Amino acid sequence: LNRIGYQLMGNNKLQSALDVFAYNIELYPGSANVYDSYGEGLEQAGRLKEALENYRKAVSVGEINHDPNLPIYRQHQETLKIKKGLKE
C-alpha cells in the first residue's frame, strides 16, 4: 500500500495518496513506517502540524519496535521542525 501511496503522490493525486496512507495505518497501526509515510504525504499537502504529529508517532513506534529505520523517522521529524521554525 505504501508503494501505491507514493505512486499516487508522484502523479499529483495527493488526496488519494493520503487516503491510501491512512488506510495503511488502519491495517498496520504497529508499524512506524506507515506513520512516516502518512507524514510525508501530509507535509507535501502543506498540512505541517499533522505531518509533524505523524512523524512523532513514527519515532515513538519505531523506538518501541527497535525499527532499523528509526534514524530516518527522526530526521523527517527534525527537518520538519526546522522548516516550521519550531524549537523543542
PDB file of N, CA and C in Angstrom:
ATOM      1  N   LEU A   1       0.821  -1.199   0.000  1.00  0.00           N
ATOM      2  CA  LEU A   1       0.000   0.000   0.000  1.00  0.00           C
ATOM      3  C   LEU A   1       0.862   1.258   0.000  1.00  0.00           C
ATOM      4  N   ASN A   2       1.981   1.206   0.721  1.00  0.00           N
ATOM      5  CA  ASN A   2       2.855   2.374   0.732  1.00  0.00           C
ATOM      6  C   ASN A   2       3.320   2.725  -0.675  1.00  0.00           C
ATOM      7  N   ARG A   3       3.690   1.703  -1.425  1.00  0.00           N
ATOM      8  CA  ARG A   3       4.165   1.930  -2.790  1.00  0.00           C
ATOM      9  C   ARG A   3       3.070   2.600  -3.625  1.00  0.00           C
ATOM     10  N   ILE A   4       1.843   2.146  -3.469  1.00  0.00           N
ATOM     11  CA  ILE A   4       0.728   2.751  -4.198  1.00  0.00           C
ATOM     12  C   ILE A   4       0.558   4.211  -3.772  1.00  0.00           C
ATOM     13  N   GLY A   5       0.646   4.463  -2.473  1.00  0.00           N
ATOM     14  CA  GLY A   5       0.530   5.834  -1.972  1.00  0.00           C
ATOM     15  C   GLY A   5       1.588   6.750  -2.571  1.00  0.00           C
ATOM     16  N   TYR A   6       2.819   6.283  -2.614  1.00  0.00           N
ATOM     17  CA  TYR A   6       3.898   7.104  -3.183  1.00  0.00           C
ATOM     18  C   TYR A   6       3.719   7.294  -4.689  1.00  0.00           C
ATOM     19  N   GLN A   7       3.202   6.274  -5.388  1.00  0.00           N
ATOM     20  CA  GLN A   7       2.925   6.430  -6.816  1.00  0.00           C
ATOM     21  C   GLN A   7       1.855   7.494  -7.040  1.00  0.00           C
ATOM     22  N   LEU A   8       0.829   7.464  -6.206  1.00  0.00           N
ATOM     23  CA  LEU A   8      -0.222   8.481  -6.310  1.00  0.00           C
ATOM     24  C   LEU A   8       0.338   9.875  -6.039  1.00  0.00           C
ATOM     25  N   MET A   9       1.207   9.988  -5.035  1.00  0.00           N
ATOM     26  CA  MET A   9       1.835  11.282  -4.754  1.00  0.00           C
ATOM     27  C   MET A   9       2.628  11.758  -5.968  1.00  0.00           C
ATOM     28  N   GLY A  10       3.373  10.848  -6.578  1.00  0.00           N
ATOM     29  CA  GLY A  10       4.177  11.191  -7.741  1.00  0.00           C
ATOM     30  C   GLY A  10       3.344  11.605  -8.937  1.00  0.00           C
ATOM     31  N   ASN A  11       2.094  11.160  -8.971  1.00  0.00           N
ATOM     32  CA  ASN A  11       1.184  11.516 -10.058  1.00  0.00           C
ATOM     33  C   ASN A  11       0.252  12.666  -9.677  1.00  0.00           C
ATOM     34  N   ASN A  12       0.630  13.395  -8.623  1.00  0.00           N
ATOM     35  CA  ASN A  12      -0.142  14.561  -8.163  1.00  0.00           C
ATOM     36  C   ASN A  12      -1.581  14.221  -7.788  1.00  0.00           C
ATOM     37  N   LYS A  13      -1.781  13.032  -7.271  1.00  0.00           N
ATOM     38  CA  LYS A  13      -3.091  12.624  -6.758  1.00  0.00           C
ATOM     39  C   LYS A  13      -2.960  12.532  -5.247  1.00  0.00           C
ATOM     40  N   LEU A  14      -2.751  13.697  -4.659  1.00  0.00           N
ATOM     41  CA  LEU A  14      -2.375  13.767  -3.250  1.00  0.00           C
ATOM     42  C   LEU A  14      -3.463  13.271  -2.318  1.00  0.00           C
ATOM     43  N   GLN A  15      -4.714  13.651  -2.550  1.00  0.00           N
ATOM     44  CA  GLN A  15      -5.765  13.196  -1.645  1.00  0.00           C
ATOM     45  C   GLN A  15      -5.919  11.683  -1.694  1.00  0.00           C
ATOM     46  N   SER A  16      -5.816  11.116  -2.876  1.00  0.00           N
ATOM     47  CA  SER A  16      -5.884   9.654  -2.988  1.00  0.00           C
ATOM     48  C   SER A  16      -4.716   9.004  -2.247  1.00  0.00           C
ATOM     49  N   ALA A  17      -3.546   9.602  -2.363  1.00  0.00           N
ATOM     50  CA  ALA A  17      -2.375   9.082  -1.651  1.00  0.00           C
ATOM     51  C   ALA A  17      -2.610   9.133  -0.148  1.00  0.00           C
ATOM     52  N   LEU A  18      -3.128  10.248   0.350  1.00  0.00           N
ATOM     53  CA  LEU A  18      -3.396  10.371   1.787  1.00  0.00           C
ATOM     54  C   LEU A  18      -4.414   9.337   2.242  1.00  0.00           C
ATOM     55  N   ASP A  19      -5.414   9.084   1.414  1.00  0.00           N
ATOM     56  CA  ASP A  19      -6.414   8.064   1.752  1.00  0.00           C
ATOM     57  C   ASP A  19      -5.771   6.684   1.868  1.00  0.00           C
ATOM     58  N   VAL A  20      -4.864   6.372   0.949  1.00  0.00           N
ATOM     59  CA  VAL A  20      -4.177   5.077   0.979  1.00  0.00           C
ATOM     60  C   VAL A  20      -3.291   4.981   2.217  1.00  0.00           C
ATOM     61  N   PHE A  21      -2.543   6.048   2.507  1.00  0.00           N
ATOM     62  CA  PHE A  21      -1.682   6.033   3.688  1.00  0.00           C
ATOM     63  C   PHE A  21      -2.505   5.886   4.970  1.00  0.00           C
ATOM     64  N   ALA A  22      -3.638   6.574   5.048  1.00  0.00           N
ATOM     65  CA  ALA A  22      -4.493   6.482   6.237  1.00  0.00           C
ATOM     66  C   ALA A  22      -5.048   5.057   6.387  1.00  0.00           C
ATOM     67  N   TYR A  23      -5.426   4.457   5.291  1.00  0.00           N
ATOM     68  CA  TYR A  23      -5.919   3.081   5.329  1.00  0.00           C
ATOM     69  C   TYR A  23      -4.815   2.125   5.782  1.00  0.00           C
ATOM     70  N   ASN A  24      -3.602   2.390   5.343  1.00  0.00           N
ATOM     71  CA  ASN A  24      -2.465   1.558   5.749  1.00  0.00           C
ATOM     72  C   ASN A  24      -2.248   1.639   7.258  1.00  0.00           C
ATOM     73  N   ILE A  25      -2.474   2.804   7.838  1.00  0.00           N
ATOM     74  CA  ILE A  25      -2.375   2.961   9.295  1.00  0.00           C
ATOM     75  C   ILE A  25      -3.441   2.101   9.983  1.00  0.00           C
ATOM     76  N   GLU A  26      -4.651   2.094   9.415  1.00  0.00           N
ATOM     77  CA  GLU A  26      -5.711   1.261   9.995  1.00  0.00           C
ATOM     78  C   GLU A  26      -5.313  -0.209  10.000  1.00  0.00           C
ATOM     79  N   LEU A  27      -4.672  -0.641   8.918  1.00  0.00           N
ATOM     80  CA  LEU A  27      -4.291  -2.040   8.797  1.00  0.00           C
ATOM     81  C   LEU A  27      -3.084  -2.411   9.651  1.00  0.00           C
ATOM     82  N   TYR A  28      -2.139  -1.490   9.774  1.00  0.00           N
ATOM     83  CA  TYR A  28      -0.863  -1.781  10.444  1.00  0.00           C
ATOM     84  C   TYR A  28      -0.502  -0.701  11.466  1.00  0.00           C
ATOM     85  N   PRO A  29      -1.317  -0.525  12.501  1.00  0.00           N
ATOM     86  CA  PRO A  29      -1.051   0.542  13.473  1.00  0.00           C
ATOM     87  C   PRO A  29       0.236   0.345  14.273  1.00  0.00           C
ATOM     88  N   GLY A  30       0.798  -0.839  14.243  1.00  0.00           N
ATOM     89  CA  GLY A  30       2.039  -1.099  14.962  1.00  0.00           C
ATOM     90  C   GLY A  30       3.287  -0.889  14.133  1.00  0.00           C
ATOM     91  N   SER A  31       3.120  -0.351  12.930  1.00  0.00           N
ATOM     92  CA  SER A  31       4.252  -0.099  12.034  1.00  0.00           C
ATOM     93  C   SER A  31       4.620   1.378  12.055  1.00  0.00           C
ATOM     94  N   ALA A  32       5.859   1.661  12.362  1.00  0.00           N
ATOM     95  CA  ALA A  32       6.317   3.051  12.360  1.00  0.00           C
ATOM     96  C   ALA A  32       6.308   3.627  10.949  1.00  0.00           C
ATOM     97  N   ASN A  33       6.605   2.789   9.974  1.00  0.00           N
ATOM     98  CA  ASN A  33       6.718   3.264   8.597  1.00  0.00           C
ATOM     99  C   ASN A  33       5.420   3.850   8.067  1.00  0.00           C
ATOM    100  N   VAL A  34       4.277   3.318   8.482  1.00  0.00           N
ATOM    101  CA  VAL A  34       3.012   3.836   7.962  1.00  0.00           C
ATOM    102  C   VAL A  34       2.769   5.266   8.429  1.00  0.00           C
ATOM    103  N   TYR A  35       3.174   5.587   9.639  1.00  0.00           N
ATOM    104  CA  TYR A  35       3.018   6.952  10.142  1.00  0.00           C
ATOM    105  C   TYR A  35       3.986   7.905   9.439  1.00  0.00           C
ATOM    106  N   ASP A  36       5.185   7.426   9.195  1.00  0.00           N
ATOM    107  CA  ASP A  36       6.169   8.247   8.496  1.00  0.00           C
ATOM    108  C   ASP A  36       5.697   8.562   7.077  1.00  0.00           C
ATOM    109  N   SER A  37       5.178   7.572   6.389  1.00  0.00           N
ATOM    110  CA  SER A  37       4.699   7.785   5.021  1.00  0.00           C
ATOM    111  C   SER A  37       3.520   8.753   4.994  1.00  0.00           C
ATOM    112  N   TYR A  38       2.594   8.579   5.924  1.00  0.00           N
ATOM    113  CA  TYR A  38       1.458   9.492   6.014  1.00  0.00           C
ATOM    114  C   TYR A  38       1.959  10.908   6.304  1.00  0.00           C
ATOM    115  N   GLY A  39       2.959  11.005   7.166  1.00  0.00           N
ATOM    116  CA  GLY A  39       3.551  12.315   7.453  1.00  0.00           C
ATOM    117  C   GLY A  39       4.127  12.958   6.201  1.00  0.00           C
ATOM    118  N   GLU A  40       4.780  12.169   5.373  1.00  0.00           N
ATOM    119  CA  GLU A  40       5.339  12.720   4.134  1.00  0.00           C
ATOM    120  C   GLU A  40       4.230  13.244   3.217  1.00  0.00           C
ATOM    121  N   GLY A  41       3.149  12.495   3.122  1.00  0.00           N
ATOM    122  CA  GLY A  41       2.028  12.955   2.309  1.00  0.00           C
ATOM    123  C   GLY A  41       1.413  14.231   2.855  1.00  0.00           C
ATOM    124  N   LEU A  42       1.226  14.264   4.162  1.00  0.00           N
ATOM    125  CA  LEU A  42       0.668  15.464   4.794  1.00  0.00           C
ATOM    126  C   LEU A  42       1.595  16.660   4.616  1.00  0.00           C
ATOM    127  N   GLU A  43       2.889  16.419   4.724  1.00  0.00           N
ATOM    128  CA  GLU A  43       3.848  17.505   4.532  1.00  0.00           C
ATOM    129  C   GLU A  43       3.741  18.044   3.106  1.00  0.00           C
ATOM    130  N   GLN A  44       3.656  17.157   2.138  1.00  0.00           N
ATOM    131  CA  GLN A  44       3.534  17.599   0.751  1.00  0.00           C
ATOM    132  C   GLN A  44       2.239  18.382   0.542  1.00  0.00           C
ATOM    133  N   ALA A  45       1.191  18.030   1.293  1.00  0.00           N
ATOM    134  CA  ALA A  45      -0.087  18.727   1.194  1.00  0.00           C
ATOM    135  C   ALA A  45      -0.088  20.056   1.943  1.00  0.00           C
ATOM    136  N   GLY A  46       1.006  20.344   2.637  1.00  0.00           N
ATOM    137  CA  GLY A  46       1.088  21.593   3.389  1.00  0.00           C
ATOM    138  C   GLY A  46       0.429  21.514   4.751  1.00  0.00           C
ATOM    139  N   ARG A  47       0.072  20.341   5.174  1.00  0.00           N
ATOM    140  CA  ARG A  47      -0.567  20.137   6.481  1.00  0.00           C
ATOM    141  C   ARG A  47       0.526  19.778   7.489  1.00  0.00           C
ATOM    142  N   LEU A  48       1.336  20.792   7.799  1.00  0.00           N
ATOM    143  CA  LEU A  48       2.570  20.562   8.540  1.00  0.00           C
ATOM    144  C   LEU A  48       2.355  20.125   9.977  1.00  0.00           C
ATOM    145  N   LYS A  49       1.355  20.661  10.639  1.00  0.00           N
ATOM    146  CA  LYS A  49       1.103  20.264  12.032  1.00  0.00           C
ATOM    147  C   LYS A  49       0.758  18.777  12.101  1.00  0.00           C
ATOM    148  N   GLU A  50      -0.113  18.326  11.200  1.00  0.00           N
ATOM    149  CA  GLU A  50      -0.490  16.915  11.173  1.00  0.00           C
ATOM    150  C   GLU A  50       0.696  16.040  10.752  1.00  0.00           C
ATOM    151  N   ALA A  51       1.491  16.557   9.831  1.00  0.00           N
ATOM    152  CA  ALA A  51       2.676  15.814   9.394  1.00  0.00           C
ATOM    153  C   ALA A  51       3.617  15.587  10.573  1.00  0.00           C
ATOM    154  N   LEU A  52       3.847  16.643  11.351  1.00  0.00           N
ATOM    155  CA  LEU A  52       4.738  16.532  12.495  1.00  0.00           C
ATOM    156  C   LEU A  52       4.199  15.539  13.517  1.00  0.00           C
ATOM    157  N   GLU A  53       2.892  15.546  13.731  1.00  0.00           N
ATOM    158  CA  GLU A  53       2.286  14.584  14.659  1.00  0.00           C
ATOM    159  C   GLU A  53       2.551  13.148  14.202  1.00  0.00           C
ATOM    160  N   ASN A  54       2.458  12.916  12.906  1.00  0.00           N
ATOM    161  CA  ASN A  54       2.693  11.568  12.387  1.00  0.00           C
ATOM    162  C   ASN A  54       4.156  11.192  12.420  1.00  0.00           C
ATOM    163  N   TYR A  55       5.053  12.152  12.174  1.00  0.00           N
ATOM    164  CA  TYR A  55       6.480  11.862  12.315  1.00  0.00           C
ATOM    165  C   TYR A  55       6.804  11.506  13.759  1.00  0.00           C
ATOM    166  N   ARG A  56       6.200  12.228  14.699  1.00  0.00           N
ATOM    167  CA  ARG A  56       6.421  11.911  16.116  1.00  0.00           C
ATOM    168  C   ARG A  56       5.913  10.515  16.448  1.00  0.00           C
ATOM    169  N   LYS A  57       4.777  10.158  15.894  1.00  0.00           N
ATOM    170  CA  LYS A  57       4.226   8.817  16.124  1.00  0.00           C
ATOM    171  C   LYS A  57       5.154   7.762  15.522  1.00  0.00           C
ATOM    172  N   ALA A  58       5.701   8.042  14.345  1.00  0.00           N
ATOM    173  CA  ALA A  58       6.642   7.106  13.711  1.00  0.00           C
ATOM    174  C   ALA A  58       7.852   6.892  14.608  1.00  0.00           C
ATOM    175  N   VAL A  59       8.368   7.972  15.184  1.00  0.00           N
ATOM    176  CA  VAL A  59       9.526   7.861  16.076  1.00  0.00           C
ATOM    177  C   VAL A  59       9.155   7.057  17.316  1.00  0.00           C
ATOM    178  N   SER A  60       8.014   7.355  17.886  1.00  0.00           N
ATOM    179  CA  SER A  60       7.574   6.658  19.095  1.00  0.00           C
ATOM    180  C   SER A  60       7.413   5.155  18.848  1.00  0.00           C
ATOM    181  N   VAL A  61       6.712   4.802  17.798  1.00  0.00           N
ATOM    182  CA  VAL A  61       6.506   3.387  17.475  1.00  0.00           C
ATOM    183  C   VAL A  61       7.838   2.747  17.086  1.00  0.00           C
ATOM    184  N   GLY A  62       8.658   3.481  16.361  1.00  0.00           N
ATOM    185  CA  GLY A  62       9.965   2.969  15.961  1.00  0.00           C
ATOM    186  C   GLY A  62      10.859   2.661  17.146  1.00  0.00           C
ATOM    187  N   GLU A  63      10.795   3.504  18.182  1.00  0.00           N
ATOM    188  CA  GLU A  63      11.583   3.253  19.394  1.00  0.00           C
ATOM    189  C   GLU A  63      11.106   1.988  20.096  1.00  0.00           C
ATOM    190  N   ILE A  64       9.805   1.826  20.172  1.00  0.00           N
ATOM    191  CA  ILE A  64       9.236   0.638  20.820  1.00  0.00           C
ATOM    192  C   ILE A  64       9.628  -0.632  20.081  1.00  0.00           C
ATOM    193  N   ASN A  65       9.579  -0.566  18.752  1.00  0.00           N
ATOM    194  CA  ASN A  65       9.828  -1.748  17.922  1.00  0.00           C
ATOM    195  C   ASN A  65      11.291  -1.932  17.542  1.00  0.00           C
ATOM    196  N   HIS A  66      12.150  -1.026  17.988  1.00  0.00           N
ATOM    197  CA  HIS A  66      13.565  -1.069  17.593  1.00  0.00           C
ATOM    198  C   HIS A  66      13.696  -1.112  16.067  1.00  0.00           C
ATOM    199  N   ASP A  67      12.924  -0.245  15.425  1.00  0.00           N
ATOM    200  CA  ASP A  67      12.867  -0.195  13.961  1.00  0.00           C
ATOM    201  C   ASP A  67      14.212   0.255  13.397  1.00  0.00           C
ATOM    202  N   PRO A  68      14.751  -0.466  12.425  1.00  0.00           N
ATOM    203  CA  PRO A  68      16.043  -0.083  11.852  1.00  0.00           C
ATOM    204  C   PRO A  68      15.993   1.244  11.095  1.00  0.00           C
ATOM    205  N   ASN A  69      14.797   1.696  10.741  1.00  0.00           N
ATOM    206  CA  ASN A  69      14.656   2.979  10.040  1.00  0.00           C
ATOM    207  C   ASN A  69      14.423   4.148  10.981  1.00  0.00           C
ATOM    208  N   LEU A  70      14.571   3.933  12.270  1.00  0.00           N
ATOM    209  CA  LEU A  70      14.344   4.984  13.253  1.00  0.00           C
ATOM    210  C   LEU A  70      15.131   6.262  12.950  1.00  0.00           C
ATOM    211  N   PRO A  71      16.399   6.184  12.542  1.00  0.00           N
ATOM    212  CA  PRO A  71      17.114   7.432  12.221  1.00  0.00           C
ATOM    213  C   PRO A  71      16.443   8.234  11.099  1.00  0.00           C
ATOM    214  N   ILE A  72      15.836   7.557  10.153  1.00  0.00           N
ATOM    215  CA  ILE A  72      15.135   8.248   9.064  1.00  0.00           C
ATOM    216  C   ILE A  72      13.902   8.961   9.612  1.00  0.00           C
ATOM    217  N   TYR A  73      13.148   8.279  10.467  1.00  0.00           N
ATOM    218  CA  TYR A  73      11.949   8.890  11.049  1.00  0.00           C
ATOM    219  C   TYR A  73      12.323  10.110  11.879  1.00  0.00           C
ATOM    220  N   ARG A  74      13.398   9.985  12.644  1.00  0.00           N
ATOM    221  CA  ARG A  74      13.854  11.131  13.440  1.00  0.00           C
ATOM    222  C   ARG A  74      14.283  12.290  12.549  1.00  0.00           C
ATOM    223  N   GLN A  75      14.950  11.977  11.448  1.00  0.00           N
ATOM    224  CA  GLN A  75      15.397  13.030  10.535  1.00  0.00           C
ATOM    225  C   GLN A  75      14.200  13.745   9.917  1.00  0.00           C
ATOM    226  N   HIS A  76      13.189  13.017   9.515  1.00  0.00           N
ATOM    227  CA  HIS A  76      11.993  13.655   8.958  1.00  0.00           C
ATOM    228  C   HIS A  76      11.365  14.601   9.987  1.00  0.00           C
ATOM    229  N   GLN A  77      11.296  14.138  11.226  1.00  0.00           N
ATOM    230  CA  GLN A  77      10.721  14.959  12.291  1.00  0.00           C
ATOM    231  C   GLN A  77      11.539  16.227  12.491  1.00  0.00           C
ATOM    232  N   GLU A  78      12.845  16.086  12.598  1.00  0.00           N
ATOM    233  CA  GLU A  78      13.710  17.245  12.848  1.00  0.00           C
ATOM    234  C   GLU A  78      13.704  18.222  11.675  1.00  0.00           C
ATOM    235  N   THR A  79      13.714  17.696  10.461  1.00  0.00           N
ATOM    236  CA  THR A  79      13.703  18.559   9.280  1.00  0.00           C
ATOM    237  C   THR A  79      12.429  19.383   9.236  1.00  0.00           C
ATOM    238  N   LEU A  80      11.306  18.767   9.551  1.00  0.00           N
ATOM    239  CA  LEU A  80      10.043  19.500   9.548  1.00  0.00           C
ATOM    240  C   LEU A  80      10.008  20.526  10.671  1.00  0.00           C
ATOM    241  N   LYS A  81      10.530  20.192  11.832  1.00  0.00           N
ATOM    242  CA  LYS A  81      10.580  21.150  12.929  1.00  0.00           C
ATOM    243  C   LYS A  81      11.395  22.375  12.521  1.00  0.00           C
ATOM    244  N   ILE A  82      12.495  22.167  11.840  1.00  0.00           N
ATOM    245  CA  ILE A  82      13.306  23.287  11.366  1.00  0.00           C
ATOM    246  C   ILE A  82      12.532  24.089  10.326  1.00  0.00           C
ATOM    247  N   LYS A  83      11.874  23.397   9.421  1.00  0.00           N
ATOM    248  CA  LYS A  83      11.082  24.055   8.384  1.00  0.00           C
ATOM    249  C   LYS A  83      10.003  24.945   8.999  1.00  0.00           C
ATOM    250  N   LYS A  84       9.373  24.449  10.051  1.00  0.00           N
ATOM    251  CA  LYS A  84       8.320  25.190  10.728  1.00  0.00           C
ATOM    252  C   LYS A  84       8.862  26.214  11.715  1.00  0.00           C
ATOM    253  N   GLY A  85      10.165  26.185  11.958  1.00  0.00           N
ATOM    254  CA  GLY A  85      10.750  27.107  12.922  1.00  0.00           C
ATOM    255  C   GLY A  85      10.446  26.745  14.360  1.00  0.00           C
ATOM    256  N   LEU A  86      10.301  25.465  14.615  1.00  0.00           N
ATOM    257  CA  LEU A  86       9.971  25.006  15.970  1.00  0.00           C
ATOM    258  C   LEU A  86      11.245  24.716  16.751  1.00  0.00           C
ATOM    259  N   LYS A  87      11.183  24.966  18.039  1.00  0.00           N
ATOM    260  CA  LYS A  87      12.289  24.613  18.920  1.00  0.00           C
ATOM    261  C   LYS A  87      11.735  23.771  20.042  1.00  0.00           C
ATOM    262  N   GLU A  88      12.370  22.631  20.246  1.00  0.00           N
ATOM    263  CA  GLU A  88      11.929  21.736  21.330  1.00  0.00           C
ATOM    264  C   GLU A  88      13.134  21.105  21.962  1.00  0.00           C
TER     265      GLU A  88
END
